[in-house]
Amino acid sequence: GSAPSLADYLGDMRYYLDWMLDRREGGTEVIGGTHKWVMPCNWKLPSDNFIGDTYHIATSHLSAIIVGARGESFQAQAPTNFGGFQTSTGNGHGVIVREGTVTAGEEDIMAYEESILPEVERRLGKSRAGIAPIVSTVFPNCSPFYSRWTIRVWHPRGPQKQKSGRGATWIRLHRRRSRNRSA
């Protein structure tokens, strides 16, 4: 048989992947190393978690924010109730999205995000620039973690063990212009 093209396989998931990967004129550059770990669970658990688990964000993570575990500036800005949605984009892919732009985090990162917003709006449109995907899964095992600017890949290691790693978590940054690397 023949496999679909990548564009056809991704389908509507491209809309959300572009939010992460196509925000700047110069594209996206992968930097940093790899963080690896093994979890005692079926590979489906983290993949499913990244497309359907919205209940724990406002409970488990909120408790850490309330006690100031991320610092006072984060605590003061952190949302306690926000709108959003989760959707299936076909072919087993899905995404969890928060409405509105990210407003909490490290001050220098927030300043950077604010400074590039006009360019992001020009490239992606105001509507897409006005959302904040949190996590997603490109079926079966590739999970962009938008709010951490990383991409995780889940590697099965048996029925009840999986490994995340092998270049699975990348830190990325935007570039203003393409660089000529042939020099």
N, C-alpha and C. Protein backbone atom coordinates (compact mmCIF):
# COMPACT_ATOMS: atom_id res chain seq x y z
N GLY A 1 0.81 -1.17 0.00
CA GLY A 1 0.00 0.00 0.00
C GLY A 1 0.86 1.25 0.00
N SER A 2 0.22 2.35 -0.15
CA SER A 2 0.95 3.62 -0.15
C SER A 2 0.57 4.44 1.08
N ALA A 3 1.55 5.10 1.60
CA ALA A 3 1.34 5.95 2.78
C ALA A 3 0.91 7.34 2.33
N PRO A 4 0.11 8.03 3.15
CA PRO A 4 -0.26 9.41 2.80
C PRO A 4 0.96 10.33 2.91
N SER A 5 0.90 11.47 2.26
CA SER A 5 1.96 12.46 2.42
C SER A 5 1.93 12.96 3.86
N LEU A 6 3.02 13.55 4.32
CA LEU A 6 3.05 14.09 5.68
C LEU A 6 1.96 15.14 5.87
N ALA A 7 1.78 16.01 4.88
CA ALA A 7 0.75 17.05 4.98
C ALA A 7 -0.64 16.42 5.13
N ASP A 8 -0.92 15.37 4.36
CA ASP A 8 -2.22 14.70 4.48
C ASP A 8 -2.36 14.00 5.82
N TYR A 9 -1.29 13.35 6.29
CA TYR A 9 -1.35 12.65 7.57
C TYR A 9 -1.58 13.63 8.72
N LEU A 10 -0.88 14.76 8.69
CA LEU A 10 -1.05 15.75 9.76
C LEU A 10 -2.41 16.42 9.69
N GLY A 11 -2.92 16.67 8.50
CA GLY A 11 -4.23 17.29 8.34
C GLY A 11 -4.33 18.59 9.12
N ASP A 12 -5.42 18.73 9.88
CA ASP A 12 -5.67 19.95 10.65
C ASP A 12 -4.69 20.15 11.80
N MET A 13 -3.91 19.14 12.13
CA MET A 13 -2.91 19.29 13.20
C MET A 13 -1.85 20.30 12.80
N ARG A 14 -1.64 20.49 11.50
CA ARG A 14 -0.66 21.48 11.03
C ARG A 14 -0.97 22.87 11.57
N TYR A 15 -2.24 23.20 11.72
CA TYR A 15 -2.66 24.51 12.24
C TYR A 15 -2.00 24.78 13.59
N TYR A 16 -1.98 23.78 14.45
CA TYR A 16 -1.42 23.94 15.80
C TYR A 16 0.10 23.78 15.80
N LEU A 17 0.63 22.89 14.99
CA LEU A 17 2.09 22.75 14.90
C LEU A 17 2.72 24.03 14.38
N ASP A 18 2.09 24.68 13.41
CA ASP A 18 2.62 25.95 12.90
C ASP A 18 2.64 27.02 13.98
N TRP A 19 1.70 26.95 14.93
CA TRP A 19 1.70 27.92 16.04
C TRP A 19 3.03 27.85 16.78
N MET A 20 3.58 26.66 16.91
CA MET A 20 4.85 26.48 17.61
C MET A 20 6.05 26.66 16.68
N LEU A 21 5.97 26.15 15.47
CA LEU A 21 7.14 26.03 14.62
C LEU A 21 7.28 27.09 13.54
N ASP A 22 6.24 27.88 13.28
CA ASP A 22 6.30 28.84 12.18
C ASP A 22 5.92 30.25 12.62
N ARG A 23 6.32 30.63 13.81
CA ARG A 23 5.96 31.94 14.36
C ARG A 23 6.85 33.07 13.85
N ARG A 24 8.08 32.76 13.47
CA ARG A 24 9.04 33.79 13.08
C ARG A 24 9.51 33.59 11.65
N GLU A 25 9.93 34.67 11.03
CA GLU A 25 10.41 34.66 9.65
C GLU A 25 11.53 33.64 9.44
N GLY A 26 12.46 33.55 10.36
CA GLY A 26 13.62 32.67 10.19
C GLY A 26 13.36 31.22 10.53
N GLY A 27 12.16 30.87 10.95
CA GLY A 27 11.86 29.49 11.28
C GLY A 27 12.20 29.15 12.71
N THR A 28 12.42 27.89 12.95
CA THR A 28 12.68 27.37 14.29
C THR A 28 14.02 26.67 14.30
N GLU A 29 14.76 26.88 15.35
CA GLU A 29 16.05 26.24 15.52
C GLU A 29 16.02 25.36 16.76
N VAL A 30 16.43 24.12 16.62
CA VAL A 30 16.48 23.20 17.75
C VAL A 30 17.83 23.40 18.45
N ILE A 31 17.79 23.58 19.76
CA ILE A 31 19.01 23.76 20.53
C ILE A 31 19.01 22.82 21.72
N GLY A 32 20.13 22.69 22.36
CA GLY A 32 20.19 21.91 23.59
C GLY A 32 20.33 20.42 23.35
N GLY A 33 20.35 19.69 24.42
CA GLY A 33 20.53 18.25 24.37
C GLY A 33 19.23 17.51 24.55
N THR A 34 19.35 16.33 25.10
CA THR A 34 18.20 15.46 25.30
C THR A 34 18.08 15.09 26.76
N HIS A 35 16.88 15.06 27.23
CA HIS A 35 16.59 14.60 28.59
C HIS A 35 15.83 13.29 28.43
N LYS A 36 16.31 12.23 29.05
CA LYS A 36 15.68 10.91 28.90
C LYS A 36 15.23 10.38 30.25
N TRP A 37 14.15 9.65 30.24
CA TRP A 37 13.68 8.98 31.44
C TRP A 37 12.79 7.80 31.05
N VAL A 38 12.64 6.86 31.95
CA VAL A 38 11.79 5.69 31.73
C VAL A 38 10.63 5.78 32.71
N MET A 39 9.43 5.51 32.22
CA MET A 39 8.24 5.53 33.07
C MET A 39 7.60 4.15 33.06
N PRO A 40 7.16 3.68 34.22
CA PRO A 40 6.51 2.37 34.29
C PRO A 40 5.03 2.48 33.90
N CYS A 41 4.79 2.62 32.60
CA CYS A 41 3.41 2.73 32.13
C CYS A 41 3.35 2.32 30.67
N ASN A 42 2.16 2.04 30.20
CA ASN A 42 1.92 1.74 28.81
C ASN A 42 2.20 3.01 28.00
N TRP A 43 2.71 2.89 26.79
CA TRP A 43 3.06 4.05 25.97
C TRP A 43 1.85 4.94 25.68
N LYS A 44 0.65 4.38 25.75
CA LYS A 44 -0.53 5.17 25.46
C LYS A 44 -0.82 6.22 26.53
N LEU A 45 -0.38 5.98 27.77
CA LEU A 45 -0.68 6.90 28.86
C LEU A 45 -0.16 8.32 28.58
N PRO A 46 1.13 8.53 28.31
CA PRO A 46 1.56 9.90 28.05
C PRO A 46 1.00 10.46 26.75
N SER A 47 0.86 9.63 25.72
CA SER A 47 0.29 10.11 24.46
C SER A 47 -1.14 10.59 24.66
N ASP A 48 -1.94 9.81 25.39
CA ASP A 48 -3.32 10.21 25.68
C ASP A 48 -3.38 11.40 26.62
N ASN A 49 -2.47 11.45 27.59
CA ASN A 49 -2.43 12.55 28.54
C ASN A 49 -2.28 13.89 27.81
N PHE A 50 -1.53 13.90 26.73
CA PHE A 50 -1.27 15.14 26.02
C PHE A 50 -2.41 15.56 25.09
N ILE A 51 -3.48 14.76 25.00
CA ILE A 51 -4.61 15.19 24.18
C ILE A 51 -5.95 15.18 24.93
N GLY A 52 -5.97 14.71 26.16
CA GLY A 52 -7.27 14.62 26.81
C GLY A 52 -7.32 14.91 28.28
N ASP A 53 -6.20 15.15 28.91
CA ASP A 53 -6.19 15.34 30.36
C ASP A 53 -6.17 16.83 30.69
N THR A 54 -7.35 17.40 30.82
CA THR A 54 -7.42 18.83 31.16
C THR A 54 -7.79 19.06 32.62
N TYR A 55 -8.27 18.04 33.29
CA TYR A 55 -8.78 18.25 34.64
C TYR A 55 -7.70 18.54 35.66
N HIS A 56 -6.50 17.99 35.50
CA HIS A 56 -5.50 18.14 36.56
C HIS A 56 -4.77 19.48 36.51
N ILE A 57 -4.82 20.19 35.39
CA ILE A 57 -4.08 21.45 35.27
C ILE A 57 -4.54 22.45 36.32
N ALA A 58 -5.84 22.64 36.42
CA ALA A 58 -6.37 23.65 37.35
C ALA A 58 -6.47 23.14 38.78
N THR A 59 -6.08 21.90 39.02
CA THR A 59 -6.12 21.39 40.40
C THR A 59 -4.71 21.08 40.89
N SER A 60 -4.08 20.09 40.34
CA SER A 60 -2.74 19.71 40.81
C SER A 60 -1.71 20.81 40.62
N HIS A 61 -1.65 21.37 39.41
CA HIS A 61 -0.66 22.41 39.15
C HIS A 61 -1.01 23.71 39.86
N LEU A 62 -2.29 24.00 39.97
CA LEU A 62 -2.71 25.24 40.63
C LEU A 62 -2.28 25.26 42.09
N SER A 63 -2.31 24.13 42.76
CA SER A 63 -1.91 24.12 44.17
C SER A 63 -0.45 24.54 44.32
N ALA A 64 0.41 24.15 43.40
CA ALA A 64 1.82 24.58 43.46
C ALA A 64 1.94 26.08 43.19
N ILE A 65 1.12 26.59 42.30
CA ILE A 65 1.15 28.03 42.00
C ILE A 65 0.69 28.82 43.21
N ILE A 66 -0.37 28.37 43.86
CA ILE A 66 -0.92 29.08 45.01
C ILE A 66 0.09 29.20 46.14
N VAL A 67 0.88 28.16 46.38
CA VAL A 67 1.86 28.23 47.47
C VAL A 67 3.16 28.90 47.03
N GLY A 68 3.23 29.35 45.78
CA GLY A 68 4.38 30.10 45.33
C GLY A 68 5.57 29.27 44.90
N ALA A 69 5.34 28.03 44.50
CA ALA A 69 6.45 27.16 44.12
C ALA A 69 7.21 27.66 42.90
N ARG A 70 6.59 28.47 42.05
CA ARG A 70 7.27 28.99 40.86
C ARG A 70 7.73 30.43 41.05
N GLY A 71 7.58 30.98 42.22
CA GLY A 71 8.02 32.36 42.45
C GLY A 71 6.86 33.32 42.50
N GLU A 72 7.08 34.44 43.11
CA GLU A 72 6.01 35.42 43.31
C GLU A 72 5.48 36.00 42.00
N SER A 73 6.37 36.29 41.02
CA SER A 73 5.89 36.91 39.78
C SER A 73 4.95 35.96 39.04
N PHE A 74 5.27 34.68 39.04
CA PHE A 74 4.40 33.70 38.39
C PHE A 74 3.09 33.59 39.14
N GLN A 75 3.18 33.55 40.47
CA GLN A 75 1.98 33.41 41.29
C GLN A 75 1.03 34.58 41.06
N ALA A 76 1.55 35.78 40.95
CA ALA A 76 0.70 36.95 40.78
C ALA A 76 -0.01 36.96 39.44
N GLN A 77 0.59 36.36 38.40
CA GLN A 77 0.03 36.39 37.06
C GLN A 77 -0.72 35.13 36.67
N ALA A 78 -0.56 34.08 37.42
CA ALA A 78 -1.10 32.78 37.01
C ALA A 78 -2.62 32.79 36.96
N PRO A 79 -3.19 32.28 35.88
CA PRO A 79 -4.65 32.20 35.80
C PRO A 79 -5.17 31.11 36.71
N THR A 80 -6.29 31.37 37.34
CA THR A 80 -6.91 30.34 38.17
C THR A 80 -8.12 29.73 37.46
N ASN A 81 -8.61 30.41 36.46
CA ASN A 81 -9.75 29.91 35.71
C ASN A 81 -9.63 30.44 34.28
N PHE A 82 -9.46 29.57 33.32
CA PHE A 82 -9.32 30.05 31.96
C PHE A 82 -10.12 29.16 31.02
N GLY A 83 -10.56 29.76 29.91
CA GLY A 83 -11.30 29.02 28.92
C GLY A 83 -10.36 28.30 27.98
N GLY A 84 -10.89 27.36 27.28
CA GLY A 84 -10.09 26.64 26.31
C GLY A 84 -10.88 25.48 25.75
N PHE A 85 -10.21 24.62 25.03
CA PHE A 85 -10.88 23.47 24.44
C PHE A 85 -9.87 22.38 24.14
N GLN A 86 -10.37 21.20 23.92
CA GLN A 86 -9.55 20.12 23.41
C GLN A 86 -10.26 19.59 22.18
N THR A 87 -9.47 19.18 21.21
CA THR A 87 -10.08 18.73 19.97
C THR A 87 -9.27 17.61 19.34
N SER A 88 -9.96 16.77 18.61
CA SER A 88 -9.32 15.76 17.79
C SER A 88 -9.21 16.33 16.39
N THR A 89 -8.02 16.28 15.80
CA THR A 89 -7.82 16.83 14.47
C THR A 89 -7.76 15.74 13.40
N GLY A 90 -8.10 14.52 13.77
CA GLY A 90 -8.11 13.41 12.82
C GLY A 90 -6.84 12.58 12.89
N ASN A 91 -6.91 11.37 12.40
CA ASN A 91 -5.78 10.42 12.36
C ASN A 91 -5.19 10.13 13.73
N GLY A 92 -5.96 10.30 14.79
CA GLY A 92 -5.48 10.03 16.14
C GLY A 92 -4.79 11.21 16.80
N HIS A 93 -4.64 12.33 16.09
CA HIS A 93 -3.99 13.51 16.64
C HIS A 93 -5.00 14.30 17.48
N GLY A 94 -4.49 15.05 18.45
CA GLY A 94 -5.35 15.91 19.25
C GLY A 94 -4.54 16.97 19.95
N VAL A 95 -5.24 17.98 20.47
CA VAL A 95 -4.57 19.13 21.09
C VAL A 95 -5.45 19.70 22.20
N ILE A 96 -4.80 20.22 23.23
CA ILE A 96 -5.47 20.97 24.29
C ILE A 96 -5.03 22.42 24.13
N VAL A 97 -5.99 23.33 24.05
CA VAL A 97 -5.71 24.74 23.77
C VAL A 97 -6.33 25.62 24.83
N ARG A 98 -5.58 26.60 25.24
CA ARG A 98 -6.07 27.64 26.15
C ARG A 98 -6.38 28.87 25.32
N GLU A 99 -7.48 29.53 25.63
CA GLU A 99 -7.81 30.77 24.94
C GLU A 99 -7.01 31.90 25.55
N GLY A 100 -6.52 32.79 24.71
CA GLY A 100 -5.71 33.91 25.17
C GLY A 100 -4.24 33.57 25.09
N THR A 101 -3.42 34.57 25.15
CA THR A 101 -1.98 34.35 25.07
C THR A 101 -1.43 34.01 26.44
N VAL A 102 -0.25 33.45 26.46
CA VAL A 102 0.40 33.08 27.71
C VAL A 102 0.75 34.36 28.47
N THR A 103 0.39 34.40 29.76
CA THR A 103 0.62 35.62 30.54
C THR A 103 1.40 35.37 31.80
N ALA A 104 1.87 34.18 32.02
CA ALA A 104 2.61 33.89 33.25
C ALA A 104 3.89 33.15 32.90
N GLY A 105 4.92 33.41 33.66
CA GLY A 105 6.17 32.71 33.42
C GLY A 105 7.36 33.61 33.69
N GLU A 106 8.50 33.24 33.17
CA GLU A 106 9.71 34.02 33.36
C GLU A 106 9.55 35.38 32.67
N GLU A 107 9.95 36.43 33.36
CA GLU A 107 9.73 37.78 32.84
C GLU A 107 10.41 38.02 31.50
N ASP A 108 11.64 37.53 31.32
CA ASP A 108 12.33 37.77 30.05
C ASP A 108 11.66 37.03 28.90
N ILE A 109 11.12 35.84 29.16
CA ILE A 109 10.40 35.11 28.12
C ILE A 109 9.10 35.81 27.79
N MET A 110 8.42 36.31 28.81
CA MET A 110 7.16 37.02 28.56
C MET A 110 7.41 38.30 27.77
N ALA A 111 8.50 39.01 28.08
CA ALA A 111 8.84 40.22 27.33
C ALA A 111 9.15 39.87 25.87
N TYR A 112 9.85 38.78 25.66
CA TYR A 112 10.15 38.33 24.30
C TYR A 112 8.86 38.01 23.55
N GLU A 113 7.98 37.24 24.17
CA GLU A 113 6.72 36.88 23.52
C GLU A 113 5.92 38.13 23.15
N GLU A 114 5.88 39.09 24.05
CA GLU A 114 5.18 40.35 23.78
C GLU A 114 5.82 41.08 22.60
N SER A 115 7.14 41.07 22.53
CA SER A 115 7.84 41.80 21.47
C SER A 115 7.62 41.19 20.09
N ILE A 116 7.40 39.89 20.01
CA ILE A 116 7.21 39.25 18.70
C ILE A 116 5.75 39.11 18.31
N LEU A 117 4.82 39.48 19.19
CA LEU A 117 3.40 39.30 18.91
C LEU A 117 2.96 39.92 17.59
N PRO A 118 3.37 41.15 17.24
CA PRO A 118 2.95 41.69 15.94
C PRO A 118 3.38 40.81 14.76
N GLU A 119 4.60 40.27 14.81
CA GLU A 119 5.07 39.39 13.73
C GLU A 119 4.27 38.09 13.71
N VAL A 120 4.00 37.53 14.88
CA VAL A 120 3.22 36.30 14.97
C VAL A 120 1.83 36.53 14.39
N GLU A 121 1.22 37.66 14.72
CA GLU A 121 -0.11 37.98 14.18
C GLU A 121 -0.07 38.10 12.67
N ARG A 122 0.98 38.72 12.12
CA ARG A 122 1.10 38.84 10.66
C ARG A 122 1.27 37.46 10.01
N ARG A 123 2.07 36.60 10.62
CA ARG A 123 2.36 35.30 10.02
C ARG A 123 1.20 34.32 10.16
N LEU A 124 0.59 34.28 11.33
CA LEU A 124 -0.42 33.25 11.61
C LEU A 124 -1.85 33.77 11.63
N GLY A 125 -2.03 35.09 11.69
CA GLY A 125 -3.35 35.68 11.82
C GLY A 125 -3.67 35.95 13.28
N LYS A 126 -4.51 36.96 13.52
CA LYS A 126 -4.83 37.34 14.91
C LYS A 126 -5.52 36.22 15.67
N SER A 127 -6.38 35.49 15.00
CA SER A 127 -7.12 34.43 15.67
C SER A 127 -6.18 33.37 16.23
N ARG A 128 -5.28 32.88 15.39
CA ARG A 128 -4.37 31.83 15.85
C ARG A 128 -3.34 32.39 16.83
N ALA A 129 -2.91 33.63 16.64
CA ALA A 129 -1.96 34.24 17.58
C ALA A 129 -2.61 34.45 18.94
N GLY A 130 -3.94 34.47 19.00
CA GLY A 130 -4.67 34.72 20.23
C GLY A 130 -5.03 33.48 21.03
N ILE A 131 -4.48 32.34 20.65
CA ILE A 131 -4.68 31.12 21.43
C ILE A 131 -3.34 30.65 21.97
N ALA A 132 -3.37 29.73 22.88
CA ALA A 132 -2.14 29.18 23.44
C ALA A 132 -2.28 27.67 23.57
N PRO A 133 -1.89 26.91 22.52
CA PRO A 133 -1.89 25.47 22.69
C PRO A 133 -1.02 25.09 23.90
N ILE A 134 -1.47 24.11 24.65
CA ILE A 134 -0.72 23.69 25.83
C ILE A 134 0.08 22.43 25.50
N VAL A 135 -0.60 21.38 25.10
CA VAL A 135 0.04 20.12 24.73
C VAL A 135 -0.76 19.48 23.60
N SER A 136 -0.12 18.55 22.90
CA SER A 136 -0.82 17.81 21.86
C SER A 136 -0.09 16.50 21.61
N THR A 137 -0.70 15.64 20.82
CA THR A 137 -0.03 14.43 20.35
C THR A 137 -0.29 14.28 18.87
N VAL A 138 0.79 14.08 18.13
CA VAL A 138 0.71 13.64 16.75
C VAL A 138 0.83 12.12 16.83
N PHE A 139 -0.28 11.43 16.55
CA PHE A 139 -0.34 9.99 16.73
C PHE A 139 0.75 9.30 15.93
N PRO A 140 1.42 8.32 16.51
CA PRO A 140 1.10 7.72 17.79
C PRO A 140 1.91 8.24 18.98
N ASN A 141 3.07 8.86 18.77
CA ASN A 141 3.94 9.06 19.93
C ASN A 141 4.77 10.35 19.91
N CYS A 142 4.37 11.35 19.18
CA CYS A 142 5.09 12.63 19.15
C CYS A 142 4.21 13.68 19.83
N SER A 143 4.71 14.25 20.92
CA SER A 143 3.88 15.15 21.73
C SER A 143 4.53 16.51 21.95
N PRO A 144 4.17 17.50 21.12
CA PRO A 144 4.64 18.86 21.38
C PRO A 144 4.10 19.36 22.72
N PHE A 145 4.96 19.96 23.50
CA PHE A 145 4.60 20.55 24.80
C PHE A 145 4.81 22.05 24.62
N TYR A 146 3.79 22.70 24.06
CA TYR A 146 3.89 24.09 23.63
C TYR A 146 4.29 25.03 24.76
N SER A 147 3.69 24.85 25.92
CA SER A 147 3.96 25.78 27.02
C SER A 147 5.36 25.62 27.58
N ARG A 148 6.08 24.57 27.20
CA ARG A 148 7.48 24.37 27.62
C ARG A 148 8.42 24.44 26.42
N TRP A 149 7.88 24.72 25.23
CA TRP A 149 8.66 24.84 24.01
C TRP A 149 9.53 23.60 23.78
N THR A 150 8.95 22.43 23.97
CA THR A 150 9.67 21.18 23.76
C THR A 150 8.80 20.22 22.94
N ILE A 151 9.44 19.20 22.41
CA ILE A 151 8.73 18.12 21.73
C ILE A 151 9.18 16.82 22.37
N ARG A 152 8.23 16.04 22.81
CA ARG A 152 8.55 14.76 23.44
C ARG A 152 8.14 13.62 22.52
N VAL A 153 8.96 12.58 22.52
CA VAL A 153 8.66 11.38 21.74
C VAL A 153 8.67 10.21 22.71
N TRP A 154 7.59 9.43 22.69
CA TRP A 154 7.44 8.31 23.61
C TRP A 154 7.86 7.03 22.89
N HIS A 155 8.80 6.28 23.48
CA HIS A 155 9.31 5.04 22.89
C HIS A 155 8.88 3.85 23.73
N PRO A 156 7.99 2.99 23.21
CA PRO A 156 7.59 1.80 23.98
C PRO A 156 8.79 0.91 24.28
N ARG A 157 8.81 0.38 25.49
CA ARG A 157 9.87 -0.54 25.92
C ARG A 157 9.26 -1.81 26.50
N GLY A 158 8.09 -2.17 26.04
CA GLY A 158 7.38 -3.33 26.53
C GLY A 158 5.96 -2.93 26.87
N PRO A 159 5.13 -3.90 27.30
CA PRO A 159 3.72 -3.60 27.55
C PRO A 159 3.49 -2.59 28.66
N GLN A 160 4.35 -2.52 29.66
CA GLN A 160 4.13 -1.60 30.78
C GLN A 160 5.34 -0.72 31.06
N LYS A 161 6.12 -0.42 30.04
CA LYS A 161 7.26 0.47 30.23
C LYS A 161 7.46 1.27 28.95
N GLN A 162 7.74 2.55 29.10
CA GLN A 162 8.05 3.37 27.94
C GLN A 162 9.15 4.34 28.31
N LYS A 163 9.89 4.74 27.30
CA LYS A 163 11.02 5.65 27.51
C LYS A 163 10.77 6.92 26.72
N SER A 164 11.02 8.02 27.35
CA SER A 164 11.00 9.29 26.65
C SER A 164 12.44 9.71 26.49
N GLY A 165 12.81 10.02 25.31
CA GLY A 165 14.19 10.41 25.10
C GLY A 165 14.61 10.22 23.67
N ARG A 166 15.90 9.91 23.48
CA ARG A 166 16.48 9.78 22.15
C ARG A 166 16.24 11.04 21.33
N GLY A 167 16.56 12.15 21.89
CA GLY A 167 16.31 13.41 21.20
C GLY A 167 14.86 13.83 21.32
N ALA A 168 14.21 13.31 22.35
CA ALA A 168 12.77 13.50 22.45
C ALA A 168 12.36 14.83 23.04
N THR A 169 13.15 15.41 23.86
CA THR A 169 12.77 16.70 24.44
C THR A 169 13.78 17.73 23.97
N TRP A 170 13.30 18.64 23.17
CA TRP A 170 14.18 19.67 22.62
C TRP A 170 13.75 21.03 23.12
N ILE A 171 14.72 21.86 23.40
CA ILE A 171 14.43 23.26 23.68
C ILE A 171 14.63 23.98 22.36
N ARG A 172 13.73 24.85 22.02
CA ARG A 172 13.86 25.52 20.74
C ARG A 172 13.72 27.02 20.90
N LEU A 173 14.22 27.73 19.92
CA LEU A 173 14.06 29.16 19.93
C LEU A 173 13.78 29.63 18.53
N HIS A 174 13.27 30.84 18.42
CA HIS A 174 12.97 31.43 17.12
C HIS A 174 14.19 32.16 16.60
N ARG A 175 14.31 32.21 15.30
CA ARG A 175 15.35 33.00 14.66
C ARG A 175 14.68 34.13 13.89
N ARG A 176 15.32 35.26 13.85
CA ARG A 176 14.77 36.38 13.08
C ARG A 176 14.94 36.17 11.58
N ARG A 177 16.11 35.72 11.16
CA ARG A 177 16.39 35.54 9.74
C ARG A 177 17.06 34.19 9.53
N SER A 178 16.90 33.68 8.34
CA SER A 178 17.61 32.45 8.00
C SER A 178 19.10 32.74 7.97
N ARG A 179 19.88 31.77 8.40
CA ARG A 179 21.33 31.92 8.39
C ARG A 179 21.93 31.03 7.32
N ASN A 180 22.92 31.53 6.65
CA ASN A 180 23.62 30.74 5.66
C ASN A 180 24.67 29.91 6.38
N ARG A 181 24.43 28.63 6.50
CA ARG A 181 25.33 27.75 7.24
C ARG A 181 26.40 27.13 6.34
N SER A 182 26.40 27.44 5.07
CA SER A 182 27.39 26.85 4.17
C SER A 182 28.72 27.58 4.23
N ALA A 183 28.78 28.73 4.86
CA ALA A 183 30.03 29.51 4.93
C ALA A 183 30.99 28.92 5.91
